Amino acid sequence: MEFLRQFWSAVHPDQSLPPAPKAQLAAREEKMAGYLSKTQDKVLNLIQTAPQGVDPSRIEMAFGPTLAAAQRALEVHRSRIGAK
């Protein structure tokens, strides 16, 4: 979740704080997008290494909102990169 927060704070910086240089925000956005692109693999790894008896669908369901949010952030990132 922290990667999502960091990504969105780079895309939409807090206006009440002094503005960060655009290059710094772009670099942070790119870095966080890299982390977010690994979210699906991390969840799959959790499913594969779950203790025996743990229902994999429960893990998928628990991480579903996070996966959806990461996918949405990556879509926004791709559209922003394409727009530049």
Protein backbone atom coordinates (compact mmCIF):
# COMPACT_ATOMS: atom_id res chain seq x y z
CA MET A 1 0.00 0.00 0.00
CA GLU A 2 2.89 2.36 0.68
CA PHE A 3 3.99 2.07 -2.97
CA LEU A 4 0.52 3.19 -4.03
CA ARG A 5 0.62 6.18 -1.69
CA GLN A 6 4.06 7.16 -2.92
CA PHE A 7 3.00 6.77 -6.56
CA TRP A 8 -0.11 8.93 -6.17
CA SER A 9 1.76 11.57 -4.16
CA ALA A 10 4.21 11.87 -7.08
CA VAL A 11 1.35 12.13 -9.60
CA HIS A 12 -0.74 14.53 -7.49
CA PRO A 13 1.58 16.29 -5.01
CA ASP A 14 0.17 17.81 -1.85
CA GLN A 15 -0.50 21.46 -2.70
CA SER A 16 -0.05 22.52 0.93
CA LEU A 17 3.65 21.57 0.81
CA PRO A 18 6.42 23.40 -1.04
CA PRO A 19 6.52 22.13 -4.63
CA ALA A 20 9.07 19.45 -5.47
CA PRO A 21 11.01 19.68 -8.73
CA LYS A 22 9.14 18.03 -11.60
CA ALA A 23 12.14 15.81 -12.41
CA GLN A 24 12.14 14.54 -8.83
CA LEU A 25 8.41 13.76 -8.96
CA ALA A 26 8.79 12.02 -12.34
CA ALA A 27 11.66 9.90 -11.01
CA ARG A 28 9.64 8.92 -7.93
CA GLU A 29 6.60 8.11 -10.08
CA GLU A 30 8.74 5.88 -12.31
CA LYS A 31 10.35 4.16 -9.32
CA MET A 32 6.99 3.46 -7.64
CA ALA A 33 5.50 2.22 -10.93
CA GLY A 34 8.37 -0.27 -11.07
CA TYR A 35 7.50 -1.53 -7.62
CA LEU A 36 3.79 -1.66 -8.43
CA SER A 37 4.46 -3.71 -11.57
CA LYS A 38 5.75 -6.49 -9.29
CA THR A 39 2.60 -6.61 -7.14
CA GLN A 40 0.94 -9.44 -9.10
CA ASP A 41 4.07 -11.61 -8.83
CA LYS A 42 4.34 -10.94 -5.11
CA VAL A 43 0.75 -12.02 -4.52
CA LEU A 44 1.27 -15.15 -6.62
CA ASN A 45 4.35 -15.92 -4.55
CA LEU A 46 2.29 -15.57 -1.36
CA ILE A 47 -0.26 -18.00 -2.77
CA GLN A 48 2.41 -20.51 -3.73
CA THR A 49 4.17 -20.35 -0.37
CA ALA A 50 1.03 -20.31 1.77
CA PRO A 51 0.88 -23.00 4.42
CA GLN A 52 -0.95 -26.15 3.46
CA GLY A 53 -4.63 -25.87 4.23
CA VAL A 54 -4.86 -22.16 3.41
CA ASP A 55 -7.34 -21.60 0.61
CA PRO A 56 -5.55 -19.73 -2.24
CA SER A 57 -8.79 -18.01 -3.24
CA ARG A 58 -8.92 -16.34 0.18
CA ILE A 59 -5.48 -14.85 -0.41
CA GLU A 60 -6.53 -13.67 -3.87
CA MET A 61 -9.70 -12.17 -2.42
CA ALA A 62 -7.78 -10.43 0.37
CA PHE A 63 -5.35 -8.84 -2.07
CA GLY A 64 -7.92 -8.17 -4.81
CA PRO A 65 -8.42 -4.48 -3.97
CA THR A 66 -4.66 -3.91 -3.76
CA LEU A 67 -4.11 -5.64 -7.11
CA ALA A 68 -6.87 -3.57 -8.71
CA ALA A 69 -5.43 -0.34 -7.29
CA ALA A 70 -1.95 -1.24 -8.52
CA GLN A 71 -3.31 -2.01 -11.99
CA ARG A 72 -5.15 1.31 -12.08
CA ALA A 73 -2.04 3.20 -11.01
CA LEU A 74 -0.02 1.46 -13.75
CA GLU A 75 -2.66 2.36 -16.34
CA VAL A 76 -2.43 6.00 -15.29
CA HIS A 77 1.35 5.82 -15.41
CA ARG A 78 1.34 4.34 -18.93
CA SER A 79 -1.07 7.02 -20.13
CA ARG A 80 1.08 9.76 -18.58
CA ILE A 81 4.26 8.37 -20.15
CA GLY A 82 2.52 8.14 -23.52
CA ALA A 83 1.35 11.73 -23.16
CA LYS A 84 4.90 13.06 -22.66
